[in-house]
PDB file of all heavy atoms in Angstrom:
ATOM      1  N   GLY A   1      46.352 110.710  81.006  1.00  0.00           N
ATOM      2  CA  GLY A   1      47.178 110.087  80.007  1.00  0.00           C
ATOM      3  C   GLY A   1      47.766 111.024  79.030  1.00  0.00           C
ATOM      4  O   GLY A   1      47.683 112.287  79.158  1.00  0.00           O
ATOM      5  N   GLU A   2      48.347 110.553  77.940  1.00  0.00           N
ATOM      6  CA  GLU A   2      49.065 111.395  76.971  1.00  0.00           C
ATOM      7  C   GLU A   2      48.180 112.319  76.274  1.00  0.00           C
ATOM      8  O   GLU A   2      47.083 111.995  75.869  1.00  0.00           O
ATOM      9  CB  GLU A   2      49.773 110.436  76.018  1.00  0.00           C
ATOM     10  CG  GLU A   2      50.714 111.137  75.054  1.00  0.00           C
ATOM     11  CD  GLU A   2      51.554 110.086  74.235  1.00  0.00           C
ATOM     12  OE1 GLU A   2      51.486 108.893  74.514  1.00  0.00           O
ATOM     13  OE2 GLU A   2      52.254 110.590  73.292  1.00  0.00           O
ATOM     14  N   ARG A   3      48.690 113.534  76.107  1.00  0.00           N
ATOM     15  CA  ARG A   3      47.933 114.581  75.496  1.00  0.00           C
ATOM     16  C   ARG A   3      48.237 114.583  73.998  1.00  0.00           C
ATOM     17  O   ARG A   3      49.399 114.530  73.572  1.00  0.00           O
ATOM     18  CB  ARG A   3      48.333 115.965  76.047  1.00  0.00           C
ATOM     19  CG  ARG A   3      47.535 117.082  75.378  1.00  0.00           C
ATOM     20  CD  ARG A   3      47.711 118.411  76.148  1.00  0.00           C
ATOM     21  NE  ARG A   3      49.129 118.810  76.146  1.00  0.00           N
ATOM     22  CZ  ARG A   3      49.479 120.098  76.473  1.00  0.00           C
ATOM     23  NH1 ARG A   3      48.614 121.010  76.822  1.00  0.00           N
ATOM     24  NH2 ARG A   3      50.792 120.400  76.506  1.00  0.00           N
ATOM     25  N   PRO A   4      47.241 114.585  73.066  1.00  0.00           N
ATOM     26  CA  PRO A   4      47.430 114.602  71.666  1.00  0.00           C
ATOM     27  C   PRO A   4      47.963 115.964  71.198  1.00  0.00           C
ATOM     28  O   PRO A   4      47.840 116.956  71.816  1.00  0.00           O
ATOM     29  CB  PRO A   4      46.077 114.384  71.084  1.00  0.00           C
ATOM     30  CG  PRO A   4      45.127 114.859  72.098  1.00  0.00           C
ATOM     31  CD  PRO A   4      45.734 114.589  73.390  1.00  0.00           C
ATOM     32  N   GLY A   5      48.608 115.944  70.052  1.00  0.00           N
ATOM     33  CA  GLY A   5      49.126 117.141  69.426  1.00  0.00           C
ATOM     34  C   GLY A   5      50.407 117.683  69.999  1.00  0.00           C
ATOM     35  O   GLY A   5      50.789 118.850  69.702  1.00  0.00           O
ATOM     36  N   VAL A   6      51.190 116.850  70.736  1.00  0.00           N
ATOM     37  CA  VAL A   6      52.463 117.281  71.261  1.00  0.00           C
ATOM     38  C   VAL A   6      53.517 117.293  70.149  1.00  0.00           C
ATOM     39  O   VAL A   6      53.570 116.399  69.343  1.00  0.00           O
ATOM     40  CB  VAL A   6      52.910 116.359  72.395  1.00  0.00           C
ATOM     41  CG1 VAL A   6      54.317 116.759  72.869  1.00  0.00           C
ATOM     42  CG2 VAL A   6      51.926 116.392  73.590  1.00  0.00           C
ATOM     43  N   PRO A   7      54.310 118.400  70.034  1.00  0.00           N
ATOM     44  CA  PRO A   7      55.258 118.421  68.946  1.00  0.00           C
ATOM     45  C   PRO A   7      56.239 117.302  68.991  1.00  0.00           C
ATOM     46  O   PRO A   7      56.549 116.674  70.084  1.00  0.00           O
ATOM     47  CB  PRO A   7      55.998 119.776  69.203  1.00  0.00           C
ATOM     48  CG  PRO A   7      55.070 120.597  70.011  1.00  0.00           C
ATOM     49  CD  PRO A   7      54.254 119.598  70.845  1.00  0.00           C
ATOM     50  N   ALA A   8      56.814 116.918  67.793  1.00  0.00           N
ATOM     51  CA  ALA A   8      57.769 115.850  67.706  1.00  0.00           C
ATOM     52  C   ALA A   8      58.963 116.242  68.553  1.00  0.00           C
ATOM     53  O   ALA A   8      59.316 117.363  68.710  1.00  0.00           O
ATOM     54  CB  ALA A   8      58.165 115.630  66.329  1.00  0.00           C
ATOM     55  N   PRO A   9      59.730 115.210  69.050  1.00  0.00           N
ATOM     56  CA  PRO A   9      60.860 115.462  69.909  1.00  0.00           C
ATOM     57  C   PRO A   9      61.956 116.274  69.108  1.00  0.00           C
ATOM     58  O   PRO A   9      62.119 116.016  67.918  1.00  0.00           O
ATOM     59  CB  PRO A   9      61.404 114.018  70.201  1.00  0.00           C
ATOM     60  CG  PRO A   9      60.198 113.157  70.121  1.00  0.00           C
ATOM     61  CD  PRO A   9      59.361 113.776  69.012  1.00  0.00           C
ATOM     62  N   ASP A  10      62.595 117.146  69.858  1.00  0.00           N
ATOM     63  CA  ASP A  10      63.682 117.956  69.245  1.00  0.00           C
ATOM     64  C   ASP A  10      64.996 117.318  69.591  1.00  0.00           C
ATOM     65  O   ASP A  10      65.416 117.312  70.764  1.00  0.00           O
ATOM     66  CB  ASP A  10      63.578 119.399  69.884  1.00  0.00           C
ATOM     67  CG  ASP A  10      64.520 120.384  69.195  1.00  0.00           C
ATOM     68  OD1 ASP A  10      65.568 119.907  68.645  1.00  0.00           O
ATOM     69  OD2 ASP A  10      64.213 121.592  69.169  1.00  0.00           O
ATOM     70  N   ASP A  11      65.702 116.761  68.588  1.00  0.00           N
ATOM     71  CA  ASP A  11      66.902 116.045  68.858  1.00  0.00           C
ATOM     72  C   ASP A  11      68.098 116.909  69.280  1.00  0.00           C
ATOM     73  O   ASP A  11      69.200 116.421  69.459  1.00  0.00           O
ATOM     74  CB  ASP A  11      67.288 115.141  67.665  1.00  0.00           C
ATOM     75  CG  ASP A  11      67.484 115.965  66.372  1.00  0.00           C
ATOM     76  OD1 ASP A  11      67.488 117.189  66.431  1.00  0.00           O
ATOM     77  OD2 ASP A  11      67.638 115.301  65.307  1.00  0.00           O
ATOM     78  N   ARG A  12      67.921 118.234  69.274  1.00  0.00           N
ATOM     79  CA  ARG A  12      69.012 119.132  69.692  1.00  0.00           C
ATOM     80  C   ARG A  12      69.160 119.112  71.185  1.00  0.00           C
ATOM     81  O   ARG A  12      70.137 119.618  71.726  1.00  0.00           O
ATOM     82  CB  ARG A  12      68.757 120.573  69.206  1.00  0.00           C
ATOM     83  CG  ARG A  12      68.745 120.766  67.693  1.00  0.00           C
ATOM     84  CD  ARG A  12      68.380 122.140  67.378  1.00  0.00           C
ATOM     85  NE  ARG A  12      66.986 122.491  67.809  1.00  0.00           N
ATOM     86  CZ  ARG A  12      66.454 123.705  67.723  1.00  0.00           C
ATOM     87  NH1 ARG A  12      67.193 124.749  67.245  1.00  0.00           N
ATOM     88  NH2 ARG A  12      65.207 123.948  68.124  1.00  0.00           N
ATOM     89  N   VAL A  13      68.175 118.540  71.938  1.00  0.00           N
ATOM     90  CA  VAL A  13      68.248 118.481  73.395  1.00  0.00           C
ATOM     91  C   VAL A  13      68.099 117.012  73.755  1.00  0.00           C
ATOM     92  O   VAL A  13      67.250 116.295  73.318  1.00  0.00           O
ATOM     93  CB  VAL A  13      67.033 119.323  73.977  1.00  0.00           C
ATOM     94  CG1 VAL A  13      67.018 119.188  75.461  1.00  0.00           C
ATOM     95  CG2 VAL A  13      67.248 120.766  73.591  1.00  0.00           C
ATOM     96  N   SER A  14      68.975 116.642  74.706  1.00  0.00           N
ATOM     97  CA  SER A  14      68.980 115.290  75.170  1.00  0.00           C
ATOM     98  C   SER A  14      67.888 114.957  76.181  1.00  0.00           C
ATOM     99  O   SER A  14      67.346 115.885  76.784  1.00  0.00           O
ATOM    100  CB  SER A  14      70.332 114.946  75.855  1.00  0.00           C
ATOM    101  OG  SER A  14      70.417 115.583  77.098  1.00  0.00           O
ATOM    102  N   THR A  15      67.530 113.678  76.319  1.00  0.00           N
ATOM    103  CA  THR A  15      66.561 113.325  77.245  1.00  0.00           C
ATOM    104  C   THR A  15      66.972 113.559  78.659  1.00  0.00           C
ATOM    105  O   THR A  15      66.132 114.020  79.511  1.00  0.00           O
ATOM    106  CB  THR A  15      66.270 111.772  77.096  1.00  0.00           C
ATOM    107  OG1 THR A  15      65.695 111.532  75.787  1.00  0.00           O
ATOM    108  CG2 THR A  15      65.224 111.308  78.120  1.00  0.00           C
ATOM    109  N   LEU A  16      68.254 113.390  78.917  1.00  0.00           N
ATOM    110  CA  LEU A  16      68.776 113.750  80.317  1.00  0.00           C
ATOM    111  C   LEU A  16      68.606 115.182  80.659  1.00  0.00           C
ATOM    112  O   LEU A  16      68.251 115.529  81.787  1.00  0.00           O
ATOM    113  CB  LEU A  16      70.283 113.305  80.394  1.00  0.00           C
ATOM    114  CG  LEU A  16      70.549 111.826  80.466  1.00  0.00           C
ATOM    115  CD1 LEU A  16      72.053 111.598  80.524  1.00  0.00           C
ATOM    116  CD2 LEU A  16      69.924 111.185  81.690  1.00  0.00           C
ATOM    117  N   ASP A  17      68.793 116.054  79.642  1.00  0.00           N
ATOM    118  CA  ASP A  17      68.578 117.482  79.872  1.00  0.00           C
ATOM    119  C   ASP A  17      67.123 117.773  80.192  1.00  0.00           C
ATOM    120  O   ASP A  17      66.820 118.575  81.158  1.00  0.00           O
ATOM    121  CB  ASP A  17      69.049 118.278  78.694  1.00  0.00           C
ATOM    122  CG  ASP A  17      70.535 118.499  78.643  1.00  0.00           C
ATOM    123  OD1 ASP A  17      71.198 118.244  79.634  1.00  0.00           O
ATOM    124  OD2 ASP A  17      71.062 118.794  77.537  1.00  0.00           O
ATOM    125  N   LEU A  18      66.260 117.090  79.481  1.00  0.00           N
ATOM    126  CA  LEU A  18      64.804 117.370  79.732  1.00  0.00           C
ATOM    127  C   LEU A  18      64.398 116.814  81.071  1.00  0.00           C
ATOM    128  O   LEU A  18      63.556 117.465  81.755  1.00  0.00           O
ATOM    129  CB  LEU A  18      63.964 116.704  78.626  1.00  0.00           C
ATOM    130  CG  LEU A  18      63.947 117.481  77.274  1.00  0.00           C
ATOM    131  CD1 LEU A  18      63.160 116.698  76.269  1.00  0.00           C
ATOM    132  CD2 LEU A  18      63.339 118.838  77.448  1.00  0.00           C
ATOM    133  N   LEU A  19      64.981 115.642  81.504  1.00  0.00           N
ATOM    134  CA  LEU A  19      64.637 115.144  82.790  1.00  0.00           C
ATOM    135  C   LEU A  19      65.145 116.036  83.866  1.00  0.00           C
ATOM    136  O   LEU A  19      64.437 116.350  84.874  1.00  0.00           O
ATOM    137  CB  LEU A  19      65.288 113.750  82.988  1.00  0.00           C
ATOM    138  CG  LEU A  19      64.560 112.612  82.280  1.00  0.00           C
ATOM    139  CD1 LEU A  19      65.405 111.327  82.289  1.00  0.00           C
ATOM    140  CD2 LEU A  19      63.192 112.319  82.920  1.00  0.00           C
ATOM    141  N   ALA A  20      66.345 116.650  83.714  1.00  0.00           N
ATOM    142  CA  ALA A  20      66.890 117.576  84.668  1.00  0.00           C
ATOM    143  C   ALA A  20      66.008 118.841  84.765  1.00  0.00           C
ATOM    144  O   ALA A  20      65.764 119.407  85.823  1.00  0.00           O
ATOM    145  CB  ALA A  20      68.340 117.957  84.339  1.00  0.00           C
ATOM    146  N   LEU A  21      65.579 119.293  83.549  1.00  0.00           N
ATOM    147  CA  LEU A  21      64.740 120.441  83.520  1.00  0.00           C
ATOM    148  C   LEU A  21      63.402 120.196  84.241  1.00  0.00           C
ATOM    149  O   LEU A  21      62.927 121.070  85.069  1.00  0.00           O
ATOM    150  CB  LEU A  21      64.490 120.772  82.073  1.00  0.00           C
ATOM    151  CG  LEU A  21      63.531 122.008  81.817  1.00  0.00           C
ATOM    152  CD1 LEU A  21      64.110 123.343  82.439  1.00  0.00           C
ATOM    153  CD2 LEU A  21      63.343 122.172  80.330  1.00  0.00           C
ATOM    154  N   PHE A  22      62.767 119.015  83.961  1.00  0.00           N
ATOM    155  CA  PHE A  22      61.553 118.690  84.576  1.00  0.00           C
ATOM    156  C   PHE A  22      61.667 118.660  86.119  1.00  0.00           C
ATOM    157  O   PHE A  22      60.851 119.133  86.872  1.00  0.00           O
ATOM    158  CB  PHE A  22      61.029 117.400  84.085  1.00  0.00           C
ATOM    159  CG  PHE A  22      59.730 116.987  84.556  1.00  0.00           C
ATOM    160  CD1 PHE A  22      58.570 117.737  84.328  1.00  0.00           C
ATOM    161  CD2 PHE A  22      59.549 115.802  85.360  1.00  0.00           C
ATOM    162  CE1 PHE A  22      57.283 117.311  84.744  1.00  0.00           C
ATOM    163  CE2 PHE A  22      58.305 115.424  85.852  1.00  0.00           C
ATOM    164  CZ  PHE A  22      57.229 116.139  85.555  1.00  0.00           C
ATOM    165  N   ASP A  23      62.733 118.032  86.634  1.00  0.00           N
ATOM    166  CA  ASP A  23      62.906 117.880  88.050  1.00  0.00           C
ATOM    167  C   ASP A  23      63.063 119.274  88.720  1.00  0.00           C
ATOM    168  O   ASP A  23      62.506 119.561  89.823  1.00  0.00           O
ATOM    169  CB  ASP A  23      64.109 117.057  88.368  1.00  0.00           C
ATOM    170  CG  ASP A  23      63.897 115.605  88.146  1.00  0.00           C
ATOM    171  OD1 ASP A  23      62.767 115.212  88.030  1.00  0.00           O
ATOM    172  OD2 ASP A  23      64.871 114.819  87.962  1.00  0.00           O
ATOM    173  N   ALA A  24      63.817 120.178  88.038  1.00  0.00           N
ATOM    174  CA  ALA A  24      63.933 121.529  88.629  1.00  0.00           C
ATOM    175  C   ALA A  24      62.617 122.265  88.647  1.00  0.00           C
ATOM    176  O   ALA A  24      62.284 122.992  89.596  1.00  0.00           O
ATOM    177  CB  ALA A  24      64.988 122.305  87.825  1.00  0.00           C
ATOM    178  N   GLN A  25      61.871 122.112  87.548  1.00  0.00           N
ATOM    179  CA  GLN A  25      60.591 122.825  87.443  1.00  0.00           C
ATOM    180  C   GLN A  25      59.579 122.292  88.453  1.00  0.00           C
ATOM    181  O   GLN A  25      58.896 123.098  89.120  1.00  0.00           O
ATOM    182  CB  GLN A  25      60.063 122.660  86.023  1.00  0.00           C
ATOM    183  CG  GLN A  25      60.778 123.374  84.973  1.00  0.00           C
ATOM    184  CD  GLN A  25      60.296 123.040  83.604  1.00  0.00           C
ATOM    185  OE1 GLN A  25      59.862 121.945  83.240  1.00  0.00           O
ATOM    186  NE2 GLN A  25      60.299 124.088  82.721  1.00  0.00           N
ATOM    187  N   VAL A  26      59.564 121.014  88.634  1.00  0.00           N
ATOM    188  CA  VAL A  26      58.596 120.419  89.561  1.00  0.00           C
ATOM    189  C   VAL A  26      59.001 120.816  91.035  1.00  0.00           C
ATOM    190  O   VAL A  26      58.082 121.128  91.814  1.00  0.00           O
ATOM    191  CB  VAL A  26      58.559 118.911  89.467  1.00  0.00           C
ATOM    192  CG1 VAL A  26      57.856 118.234  90.580  1.00  0.00           C
ATOM    193  CG2 VAL A  26      57.909 118.514  88.058  1.00  0.00           C
ATOM    194  N   GLN A  27      60.240 120.777  91.341  1.00  0.00           N
ATOM    195  CA  GLN A  27      60.679 121.236  92.648  1.00  0.00           C
ATOM    196  C   GLN A  27      60.302 122.683  92.961  1.00  0.00           C
ATOM    197  O   GLN A  27      59.766 122.990  94.017  1.00  0.00           O
ATOM    198  CB  GLN A  27      62.210 121.124  92.762  1.00  0.00           C
ATOM    199  CG  GLN A  27      62.792 121.517  94.083  1.00  0.00           C
ATOM    200  CD  GLN A  27      64.287 121.553  94.062  1.00  0.00           C
ATOM    201  OE1 GLN A  27      64.929 122.595  94.119  1.00  0.00           O
ATOM    202  NE2 GLN A  27      64.929 120.350  93.961  1.00  0.00           N
ATOM    203  N   SER A  28      60.440 123.539  92.003  1.00  0.00           N
ATOM    204  CA  SER A  28      60.077 124.933  92.148  1.00  0.00           C
ATOM    205  C   SER A  28      58.563 125.050  92.348  1.00  0.00           C
ATOM    206  O   SER A  28      58.098 125.808  93.256  1.00  0.00           O
ATOM    207  CB  SER A  28      60.504 125.724  90.896  1.00  0.00           C
ATOM    208  OG  SER A  28      60.068 127.068  91.029  1.00  0.00           O
ATOM    209  N   ARG A  29      57.769 124.273  91.611  1.00  0.00           N
ATOM    210  CA  ARG A  29      56.305 124.385  91.735  1.00  0.00           C
ATOM    211  C   ARG A  29      55.865 123.957  93.075  1.00  0.00           C
ATOM    212  O   ARG A  29      54.971 124.628  93.703  1.00  0.00           O
ATOM    213  CB  ARG A  29      55.638 123.469  90.628  1.00  0.00           C
ATOM    214  CG  ARG A  29      54.124 123.414  90.634  1.00  0.00           C
ATOM    215  CD  ARG A  29      53.477 124.732  90.295  1.00  0.00           C
ATOM    216  NE  ARG A  29      53.937 125.238  89.026  1.00  0.00           N
ATOM    217  CZ  ARG A  29      53.416 124.919  87.787  1.00  0.00           C
ATOM    218  NH1 ARG A  29      52.435 124.085  87.735  1.00  0.00           N
ATOM    219  NH2 ARG A  29      53.878 125.413  86.709  1.00  0.00           N
ATOM    220  N   HIS A  30      56.399 122.927  93.624  1.00  0.00           N
ATOM    221  CA  HIS A  30      55.967 122.465  94.922  1.00  0.00           C
ATOM    222  C   HIS A  30      56.459 123.361  96.055  1.00  0.00           C
ATOM    223  O   HIS A  30      55.782 123.455  97.148  1.00  0.00           O
ATOM    224  CB  HIS A  30      56.398 120.985  95.135  1.00  0.00           C
ATOM    225  CG  HIS A  30      55.578 120.041  94.418  1.00  0.00           C
ATOM    226  ND1 HIS A  30      54.219 119.904  94.644  1.00  0.00           N
ATOM    227  CD2 HIS A  30      55.853 119.181  93.368  1.00  0.00           C
ATOM    228  CE1 HIS A  30      53.700 119.012  93.813  1.00  0.00           C
ATOM    229  NE2 HIS A  30      54.644 118.578  93.049  1.00  0.00           N
ATOM    230  N   LEU A  31      57.574 124.020  95.837  1.00  0.00           N
ATOM    231  CA  LEU A  31      57.961 125.052  96.840  1.00  0.00           C
ATOM    232  C   LEU A  31      57.044 126.217  96.833  1.00  0.00           C
ATOM    233  O   LEU A  31      56.718 126.676  97.949  1.00  0.00           O
ATOM    234  CB  LEU A  31      59.397 125.517  96.468  1.00  0.00           C
ATOM    235  CG  LEU A  31      60.528 124.593  96.817  1.00  0.00           C
ATOM    236  CD1 LEU A  31      61.830 125.013  96.179  1.00  0.00           C
ATOM    237  CD2 LEU A  31      60.749 124.438  98.313  1.00  0.00           C
ATOM    238  N   ASP A  32      56.429 126.517  95.725  1.00  0.00           N
ATOM    239  CA  ASP A  32      55.401 127.536  95.706  1.00  0.00           C
ATOM    240  C   ASP A  32      54.193 127.115  96.527  1.00  0.00           C
ATOM    241  O   ASP A  32      53.524 127.931  97.254  1.00  0.00           O
ATOM    242  CB  ASP A  32      55.023 127.968  94.278  1.00  0.00           C
ATOM    243  CG  ASP A  32      56.082 128.825  93.562  1.00  0.00           C
ATOM    244  OD1 ASP A  32      56.901 129.346  94.312  1.00  0.00           O
ATOM    245  OD2 ASP A  32      56.004 128.914  92.350  1.00  0.00           O
ATOM    246  N   LEU A  33      53.781 125.875  96.335  1.00  0.00           N
ATOM    247  CA  LEU A  33      52.591 125.372  97.000  1.00  0.00           C
ATOM    248  C   LEU A  33      52.905 125.250  98.482  1.00  0.00           C
ATOM    249  O   LEU A  33      52.027 125.547  99.296  1.00  0.00           O
ATOM    250  CB  LEU A  33      52.267 123.972  96.402  1.00  0.00           C
ATOM    251  CG  LEU A  33      51.815 123.993  94.948  1.00  0.00           C
ATOM    252  CD1 LEU A  33      51.666 122.551  94.434  1.00  0.00           C
ATOM    253  CD2 LEU A  33      50.523 124.693  94.747  1.00  0.00           C
ATOM    254  N   ALA A  34      54.119 124.890  98.862  1.00  0.00           N
ATOM    255  CA  ALA A  34      54.517 124.821 100.230  1.00  0.00           C
ATOM    256  C   ALA A  34      54.529 126.165 100.938  1.00  0.00           C
ATOM    257  O   ALA A  34      54.168 126.288 102.104  1.00  0.00           O
ATOM    258  CB  ALA A  34      55.864 124.167 100.391  1.00  0.00           C
TER     259      ALA A  34
END
């Protein structure tokens, strides 16, 4: 579940950008495992 102590959201970055960033990072991580 959710981890406590996460910094407040930074409104200089959009949610869409963070989702795109997450997808790229996760893809890279699983390529390393593969």
